[in-house]
Amino acid sequence: MKKITIYTTRFCGYCNAAKKWLEQKGLEYQEIRLYEGNEMDKFREAYPELRTSPQIFCDGENIGGFTDLVQCDPKDLQ
């Protein structure tokens, strides 16, 4: 199974929608909450060009945000 990582921010409707979509498709994911500790600093250092949330990665490759995620075939994320 591929590793899905979702970077989220507080009070983010698209973040919640992305997590719900992944759960409905039966896909496991790791959530990294950018509002905890120094996660935001680490994220900005690693991905300075990414400024919106959520940001979703599959096996280290950036998928994009929620609207990009729902255009993916769930089979490609397994």
PDB file of N, CA and C in Angstrom:
ATOM      1  N   MET A   1       0.838  -1.180   0.000  1.00  0.00           N
ATOM      2  CA  MET A   1       0.000   0.000   0.000  1.00  0.00           C
ATOM      3  C   MET A   1       0.884   1.246   0.000  1.00  0.00           C
ATOM      4  N   LYS A   2       0.471   2.237  -0.727  1.00  0.00           N
ATOM      5  CA  LYS A   2       1.233   3.483  -0.812  1.00  0.00           C
ATOM      6  C   LYS A   2       1.056   4.300   0.469  1.00  0.00           C
ATOM      7  N   LYS A   3       2.049   5.116   0.762  1.00  0.00           N
ATOM      8  CA  LYS A   3       2.003   5.966   1.945  1.00  0.00           C
ATOM      9  C   LYS A   3       1.407   7.318   1.567  1.00  0.00           C
ATOM     10  N   ILE A   4       0.286   7.642   2.176  1.00  0.00           N
ATOM     11  CA  ILE A   4      -0.383   8.919   1.943  1.00  0.00           C
ATOM     12  C   ILE A   4      -0.158   9.791   3.173  1.00  0.00           C
ATOM     13  N   THR A   5       0.307  11.000   2.936  1.00  0.00           N
ATOM     14  CA  THR A   5       0.527  11.967   4.005  1.00  0.00           C
ATOM     15  C   THR A   5      -0.268  13.218   3.673  1.00  0.00           C
ATOM     16  N   ILE A   6      -1.011  13.713   4.661  1.00  0.00           N
ATOM     17  CA  ILE A   6      -1.791  14.933   4.467  1.00  0.00           C
ATOM     18  C   ILE A   6      -1.362  15.955   5.519  1.00  0.00           C
ATOM     19  N   TYR A   7      -0.971  17.121   5.048  1.00  0.00           N
ATOM     20  CA  TYR A   7      -0.579  18.224   5.917  1.00  0.00           C
ATOM     21  C   TYR A   7      -1.792  19.125   6.088  1.00  0.00           C
ATOM     22  N   THR A   8      -2.200  19.343   7.338  1.00  0.00           N
ATOM     23  CA  THR A   8      -3.427  20.085   7.609  1.00  0.00           C
ATOM     24  C   THR A   8      -3.169  21.309   8.482  1.00  0.00           C
ATOM     25  N   THR A   9      -4.115  22.235   8.413  1.00  0.00           N
ATOM     26  CA  THR A   9      -4.106  23.407   9.283  1.00  0.00           C
ATOM     27  C   THR A   9      -5.411  23.431  10.070  1.00  0.00           C
ATOM     28  N   ARG A  10      -5.412  24.229  11.106  1.00  0.00           N
ATOM     29  CA  ARG A  10      -6.578  24.344  11.985  1.00  0.00           C
ATOM     30  C   ARG A  10      -7.724  25.055  11.255  1.00  0.00           C
ATOM     31  N   PHE A  11      -8.951  24.623  11.550  1.00  0.00           N
ATOM     32  CA  PHE A  11     -10.174  25.236  11.014  1.00  0.00           C
ATOM     33  C   PHE A  11     -10.205  25.238   9.485  1.00  0.00           C
ATOM     34  N   CYS A  12      -9.719  24.181   8.884  1.00  0.00           N
ATOM     35  CA  CYS A  12      -9.619  24.082   7.426  1.00  0.00           C
ATOM     36  C   CYS A  12     -10.683  23.116   6.905  1.00  0.00           C
ATOM     37  N   GLY A  13     -11.693  23.654   6.248  1.00  0.00           N
ATOM     38  CA  GLY A  13     -12.757  22.824   5.700  1.00  0.00           C
ATOM     39  C   GLY A  13     -12.268  21.853   4.641  1.00  0.00           C
ATOM     40  N   TYR A  14     -11.353  22.303   3.796  1.00  0.00           N
ATOM     41  CA  TYR A  14     -10.818  21.414   2.760  1.00  0.00           C
ATOM     42  C   TYR A  14      -9.972  20.291   3.366  1.00  0.00           C
ATOM     43  N   CYS A  15      -9.294  20.582   4.460  1.00  0.00           N
ATOM     44  CA  CYS A  15      -8.518  19.538   5.148  1.00  0.00           C
ATOM     45  C   CYS A  15      -9.456  18.449   5.659  1.00  0.00           C
ATOM     46  N   ASN A  16     -10.539  18.875   6.303  1.00  0.00           N
ATOM     47  CA  ASN A  16     -11.515  17.912   6.814  1.00  0.00           C
ATOM     48  C   ASN A  16     -12.157  17.131   5.684  1.00  0.00           C
ATOM     49  N   ALA A  17     -12.470  17.802   4.585  1.00  0.00           N
ATOM     50  CA  ALA A  17     -13.081  17.125   3.435  1.00  0.00           C
ATOM     51  C   ALA A  17     -12.121  16.100   2.831  1.00  0.00           C
ATOM     52  N   ALA A  18     -10.844  16.424   2.767  1.00  0.00           N
ATOM     53  CA  ALA A  18      -9.854  15.493   2.212  1.00  0.00           C
ATOM     54  C   ALA A  18      -9.721  14.257   3.093  1.00  0.00           C
ATOM     55  N   LYS A  19      -9.677  14.454   4.404  1.00  0.00           N
ATOM     56  CA  LYS A  19      -9.584  13.311   5.316  1.00  0.00           C
ATOM     57  C   LYS A  19     -10.827  12.432   5.202  1.00  0.00           C
ATOM     58  N   LYS A  20     -11.983  13.061   5.121  1.00  0.00           N
ATOM     59  CA  LYS A  20     -13.235  12.305   4.986  1.00  0.00           C
ATOM     60  C   LYS A  20     -13.243  11.507   3.679  1.00  0.00           C
ATOM     61  N   TRP A  21     -12.801  12.124   2.580  1.00  0.00           N
ATOM     62  CA  TRP A  21     -12.763  11.441   1.280  1.00  0.00           C
ATOM     63  C   TRP A  21     -11.857  10.220   1.357  1.00  0.00           C
ATOM     64  N   LEU A  22     -10.662  10.390   1.933  1.00  0.00           N
ATOM     65  CA  LEU A  22      -9.725   9.274   2.068  1.00  0.00           C
ATOM     66  C   LEU A  22     -10.329   8.148   2.904  1.00  0.00           C
ATOM     67  N   GLU A  23     -10.983   8.512   3.994  1.00  0.00           N
ATOM     68  CA  GLU A  23     -11.606   7.507   4.858  1.00  0.00           C
ATOM     69  C   GLU A  23     -12.728   6.779   4.129  1.00  0.00           C
ATOM     70  N   GLN A  24     -13.547   7.513   3.378  1.00  0.00           N
ATOM     71  CA  GLN A  24     -14.646   6.892   2.632  1.00  0.00           C
ATOM     72  C   GLN A  24     -14.129   5.921   1.578  1.00  0.00           C
ATOM     73  N   LYS A  25     -12.953   6.184   1.050  1.00  0.00           N
ATOM     74  CA  LYS A  25     -12.356   5.303   0.044  1.00  0.00           C
ATOM     75  C   LYS A  25     -11.563   4.168   0.688  1.00  0.00           C
ATOM     76  N   GLY A  26     -11.517   4.146   2.015  1.00  0.00           N
ATOM     77  CA  GLY A  26     -10.794   3.092   2.719  1.00  0.00           C
ATOM     78  C   GLY A  26      -9.288   3.223   2.645  1.00  0.00           C
ATOM     79  N   LEU A  27      -8.809   4.442   2.463  1.00  0.00           N
ATOM     80  CA  LEU A  27      -7.373   4.691   2.323  1.00  0.00           C
ATOM     81  C   LEU A  27      -6.793   5.188   3.648  1.00  0.00           C
ATOM     82  N   GLU A  28      -5.739   4.548   4.092  1.00  0.00           N
ATOM     83  CA  GLU A  28      -5.055   4.974   5.308  1.00  0.00           C
ATOM     84  C   GLU A  28      -4.129   6.141   4.984  1.00  0.00           C
ATOM     85  N   TYR A  29      -3.981   7.026   5.951  1.00  0.00           N
ATOM     86  CA  TYR A  29      -3.121   8.183   5.749  1.00  0.00           C
ATOM     87  C   TYR A  29      -2.497   8.604   7.064  1.00  0.00           C
ATOM     88  N   GLN A  30      -1.417   9.346   6.943  1.00  0.00           N
ATOM     89  CA  GLN A  30      -0.783   9.970   8.096  1.00  0.00           C
ATOM     90  C   GLN A  30      -1.106  11.454   8.026  1.00  0.00           C
ATOM     91  N   GLU A  31      -1.629  11.994   9.105  1.00  0.00           N
ATOM     92  CA  GLU A  31      -1.918  13.428   9.167  1.00  0.00           C
ATOM     93  C   GLU A  31      -0.808  14.126   9.931  1.00  0.00           C
ATOM     94  N   ILE A  32      -0.302  15.192   9.339  1.00  0.00           N
ATOM     95  CA  ILE A  32       0.655  16.050  10.029  1.00  0.00           C
ATOM     96  C   ILE A  32      -0.027  17.393  10.214  1.00  0.00           C
ATOM     97  N   ARG A  33      -0.243  17.737  11.471  1.00  0.00           N
ATOM     98  CA  ARG A  33      -0.935  18.982  11.817  1.00  0.00           C
ATOM     99  C   ARG A  33       0.089  20.116  11.871  1.00  0.00           C
ATOM    100  N   LEU A  34      -0.009  21.000  10.906  1.00  0.00           N
ATOM    101  CA  LEU A  34       0.977  22.073  10.791  1.00  0.00           C
ATOM    102  C   LEU A  34       0.888  23.084  11.926  1.00  0.00           C
ATOM    103  N   TYR A  35      -0.175  23.030  12.699  1.00  0.00           N
ATOM    104  CA  TYR A  35      -0.356  23.974  13.799  1.00  0.00           C
ATOM    105  C   TYR A  35       0.217  23.440  15.115  1.00  0.00           C
ATOM    106  N   GLU A  36       0.822  22.266  15.094  1.00  0.00           N
ATOM    107  CA  GLU A  36       1.402  21.706  16.311  1.00  0.00           C
ATOM    108  C   GLU A  36       2.929  21.814  16.276  1.00  0.00           C
ATOM    109  N   GLY A  37       3.478  22.240  17.392  1.00  0.00           N
ATOM    110  CA  GLY A  37       4.937  22.314  17.510  1.00  0.00           C
ATOM    111  C   GLY A  37       5.564  23.153  16.416  1.00  0.00           C
ATOM    112  N   ASN A  38       6.633  22.644  15.843  1.00  0.00           N
ATOM    113  CA  ASN A  38       7.337  23.378  14.784  1.00  0.00           C
ATOM    114  C   ASN A  38       7.074  22.759  13.408  1.00  0.00           C
ATOM    115  N   GLU A  39       5.949  22.070  13.259  1.00  0.00           N
ATOM    116  CA  GLU A  39       5.629  21.410  11.991  1.00  0.00           C
ATOM    117  C   GLU A  39       5.519  22.400  10.827  1.00  0.00           C
ATOM    118  N   MET A  40       4.943  23.574  11.081  1.00  0.00           N
ATOM    119  CA  MET A  40       4.808  24.574  10.014  1.00  0.00           C
ATOM    120  C   MET A  40       6.185  25.019   9.524  1.00  0.00           C
ATOM    121  N   ASP A  41       7.088  25.262  10.443  1.00  0.00           N
ATOM    122  CA  ASP A  41       8.444  25.679  10.054  1.00  0.00           C
ATOM    123  C   ASP A  41       9.132  24.604   9.223  1.00  0.00           C
ATOM    124  N   LYS A  42       9.014  23.356   9.651  1.00  0.00           N
ATOM    125  CA  LYS A  42       9.632  22.252   8.906  1.00  0.00           C
ATOM    126  C   LYS A  42       9.015  22.123   7.515  1.00  0.00           C
ATOM    127  N   PHE A  43       7.693  22.285   7.430  1.00  0.00           N
ATOM    128  CA  PHE A  43       7.013  22.171   6.142  1.00  0.00           C
ATOM    129  C   PHE A  43       7.442  23.291   5.201  1.00  0.00           C
ATOM    130  N   ARG A  44       7.455  24.517   5.705  1.00  0.00           N
ATOM    131  CA  ARG A  44       7.841  25.663   4.862  1.00  0.00           C
ATOM    132  C   ARG A  44       9.288  25.572   4.393  1.00  0.00           C
ATOM    133  N   GLU A  45      10.133  25.008   5.229  1.00  0.00           N
ATOM    134  CA  GLU A  45      11.530  24.839   4.825  1.00  0.00           C
ATOM    135  C   GLU A  45      11.648  23.784   3.720  1.00  0.00           C
ATOM    136  N   ALA A  46      10.884  22.718   3.844  1.00  0.00           N
ATOM    137  CA  ALA A  46      10.946  21.632   2.860  1.00  0.00           C
ATOM    138  C   ALA A  46      10.215  21.974   1.568  1.00  0.00           C
ATOM    139  N   TYR A  47       9.112  22.727   1.679  1.00  0.00           N
ATOM    140  CA  TYR A  47       8.260  23.015   0.517  1.00  0.00           C
ATOM    141  C   TYR A  47       7.886  24.501   0.491  1.00  0.00           C
ATOM    142  N   PRO A  48       8.842  25.392   0.251  1.00  0.00           N
ATOM    143  CA  PRO A  48       8.548  26.829   0.316  1.00  0.00           C
ATOM    144  C   PRO A  48       7.521  27.296  -0.710  1.00  0.00           C
ATOM    145  N   GLU A  49       7.342  26.545  -1.789  1.00  0.00           N
ATOM    146  CA  GLU A  49       6.407  26.960  -2.839  1.00  0.00           C
ATOM    147  C   GLU A  49       4.957  26.580  -2.526  1.00  0.00           C
ATOM    148  N   LEU A  50       4.735  25.739  -1.542  1.00  0.00           N
ATOM    149  CA  LEU A  50       3.381  25.285  -1.213  1.00  0.00           C
ATOM    150  C   LEU A  50       2.813  26.143  -0.094  1.00  0.00           C
ATOM    151  N   ARG A  51       1.753  26.871  -0.396  1.00  0.00           N
ATOM    152  CA  ARG A  51       1.214  27.837   0.567  1.00  0.00           C
ATOM    153  C   ARG A  51      -0.244  27.598   0.945  1.00  0.00           C
ATOM    154  N   THR A  52      -0.868  26.552   0.419  1.00  0.00           N
ATOM    155  CA  THR A  52      -2.269  26.292   0.744  1.00  0.00           C
ATOM    156  C   THR A  52      -2.384  24.965   1.483  1.00  0.00           C
ATOM    157  N   SER A  53      -3.526  24.776   2.115  1.00  0.00           N
ATOM    158  CA  SER A  53      -3.759  23.509   2.797  1.00  0.00           C
ATOM    159  C   SER A  53      -5.154  22.999   2.452  1.00  0.00           C
ATOM    160  N   PRO A  54      -5.264  21.693   2.439  1.00  0.00           N
ATOM    161  CA  PRO A  54      -4.256  20.707   2.768  1.00  0.00           C
ATOM    162  C   PRO A  54      -3.264  20.525   1.624  1.00  0.00           C
ATOM    163  N   GLN A  55      -2.165  19.909   1.931  1.00  0.00           N
ATOM    164  CA  GLN A  55      -1.232  19.423   0.915  1.00  0.00           C
ATOM    165  C   GLN A  55      -1.142  17.917   1.114  1.00  0.00           C
ATOM    166  N   ILE A  56      -1.347  17.186   0.035  1.00  0.00           N
ATOM    167  CA  ILE A  56      -1.427  15.736   0.105  1.00  0.00           C
ATOM    168  C   ILE A  56      -0.310  15.135  -0.737  1.00  0.00           C
ATOM    169  N   PHE A  57       0.386  14.175  -0.144  1.00  0.00           N
ATOM    170  CA  PHE A  57       1.484  13.485  -0.802  1.00  0.00           C
ATOM    171  C   PHE A  57       1.186  11.996  -0.842  1.00  0.00           C
ATOM    172  N   CYS A  58       1.554  11.368  -1.942  1.00  0.00           N
ATOM    173  CA  CYS A  58       1.435   9.915  -2.086  1.00  0.00           C
ATOM    174  C   CYS A  58       2.820   9.382  -2.436  1.00  0.00           C
ATOM    175  N   ASP A  59       3.377   8.581  -1.542  1.00  0.00           N
ATOM    176  CA  ASP A  59       4.744   8.070  -1.696  1.00  0.00           C
ATOM    177  C   ASP A  59       5.740   9.192  -1.992  1.00  0.00           C
ATOM    178  N   GLY A  60       5.584  10.304  -1.284  1.00  0.00           N
ATOM    179  CA  GLY A  60       6.513  11.415  -1.410  1.00  0.00           C
ATOM    180  C   GLY A  60       6.248  12.367  -2.559  1.00  0.00           C
ATOM    181  N   GLU A  61       5.297  12.039  -3.422  1.00  0.00           N
ATOM    182  CA  GLU A  61       4.967  12.900  -4.566  1.00  0.00           C
ATOM    183  C   GLU A  61       3.758  13.762  -4.225  1.00  0.00           C
ATOM    184  N   ASN A  62       3.876  15.063  -4.444  1.00  0.00           N
ATOM    185  CA  ASN A  62       2.783  15.977  -4.134  1.00  0.00           C
ATOM    186  C   ASN A  62       1.628  15.796  -5.104  1.00  0.00           C
ATOM    187  N   ILE A  63       0.463  15.492  -4.548  1.00  0.00           N
ATOM    188  CA  ILE A  63      -0.768  15.394  -5.335  1.00  0.00           C
ATOM    189  C   ILE A  63      -1.376  16.779  -5.496  1.00  0.00           C
ATOM    190  N   GLY A  64      -1.293  17.580  -4.434  1.00  0.00           N
ATOM    191  CA  GLY A  64      -1.895  18.903  -4.417  1.00  0.00           C
ATOM    192  C   GLY A  64      -2.856  19.010  -3.255  1.00  0.00           C
ATOM    193  N   GLY A  65      -3.948  19.741  -3.479  1.00  0.00           N
ATOM    194  CA  GLY A  65      -4.942  19.943  -2.439  1.00  0.00           C
ATOM    195  C   GLY A  65      -6.154  19.050  -2.610  1.00  0.00           C
ATOM    196  N   PHE A  66      -7.232  19.441  -1.952  1.00  0.00           N
ATOM    197  CA  PHE A  66      -8.449  18.636  -1.960  1.00  0.00           C
ATOM    198  C   PHE A  66      -9.012  18.444  -3.366  1.00  0.00           C
ATOM    199  N   THR A  67      -9.106  19.517  -4.146  1.00  0.00           N
ATOM    200  CA  THR A  67      -9.690  19.380  -5.486  1.00  0.00           C
ATOM    201  C   THR A  67      -8.836  18.496  -6.385  1.00  0.00           C
ATOM    202  N   ASP A  68      -7.535  18.488  -6.167  1.00  0.00           N
ATOM    203  CA  ASP A  68      -6.654  17.583  -6.915  1.00  0.00           C
ATOM    204  C   ASP A  68      -6.852  16.143  -6.453  1.00  0.00           C
ATOM    205  N   LEU A  69      -7.027  15.971  -5.154  1.00  0.00           N
ATOM    206  CA  LEU A  69      -7.208  14.634  -4.590  1.00  0.00           C
ATOM    207  C   LEU A  69      -8.440  13.946  -5.156  1.00  0.00           C
ATOM    208  N   VAL A  70      -9.561  14.644  -5.190  1.00  0.00           N
ATOM    209  CA  VAL A  70     -10.808  13.997  -5.616  1.00  0.00           C
ATOM    210  C   VAL A  70     -10.811  13.679  -7.105  1.00  0.00           C
ATOM    211  N   GLN A  71      -9.877  14.216  -7.853  1.00  0.00           N
ATOM    212  CA  GLN A  71      -9.754  13.868  -9.268  1.00  0.00           C
ATOM    213  C   GLN A  71      -8.929  12.599  -9.468  1.00  0.00           C
ATOM    214  N   CYS A  72      -8.289  12.127  -8.399  1.00  0.00           N
ATOM    215  CA  CYS A  72      -7.479  10.906  -8.470  1.00  0.00           C
ATOM    216  C   CYS A  72      -8.382   9.680  -8.431  1.00  0.00           C
ATOM    217  N   ASP A  73      -7.942   8.645  -9.089  1.00  0.00           N
ATOM    218  CA  ASP A  73      -8.597   7.344  -8.974  1.00  0.00           C
ATOM    219  C   ASP A  73      -8.088   6.717  -7.679  1.00  0.00           C
ATOM    220  N   PRO A  74      -8.991   6.390  -6.747  1.00  0.00           N
ATOM    221  CA  PRO A  74      -8.542   5.804  -5.482  1.00  0.00           C
ATOM    222  C   PRO A  74      -7.655   4.574  -5.662  1.00  0.00           C
ATOM    223  N   LYS A  75      -7.832   3.836  -6.744  1.00  0.00           N
ATOM    224  CA  LYS A  75      -7.004   2.648  -6.996  1.00  0.00           C
ATOM    225  C   LYS A  75      -5.540   3.031  -7.191  1.00  0.00           C
ATOM    226  N   ASP A  76      -5.305   4.241  -7.713  1.00  0.00           N
ATOM    227  CA  ASP A  76      -3.931   4.702  -7.915  1.00  0.00           C
ATOM    228  C   ASP A  76      -3.247   5.067  -6.597  1.00  0.00           C
ATOM    229  N   LEU A  77      -4.036   5.213  -5.538  1.00  0.00           N
ATOM    230  CA  LEU A  77      -3.497   5.604  -4.240  1.00  0.00           C
ATOM    231  C   LEU A  77      -3.313   4.414  -3.302  1.00  0.00           C
ATOM    232  N   GLN A  78      -3.658   3.229  -3.761  1.00  0.00           N
ATOM    233  CA  GLN A  78      -3.557   2.039  -2.905  1.00  0.00           C
ATOM    234  C   GLN A  78      -2.186   1.424  -2.984  1.00  0.00           C
TER     235      GLN A  78
END
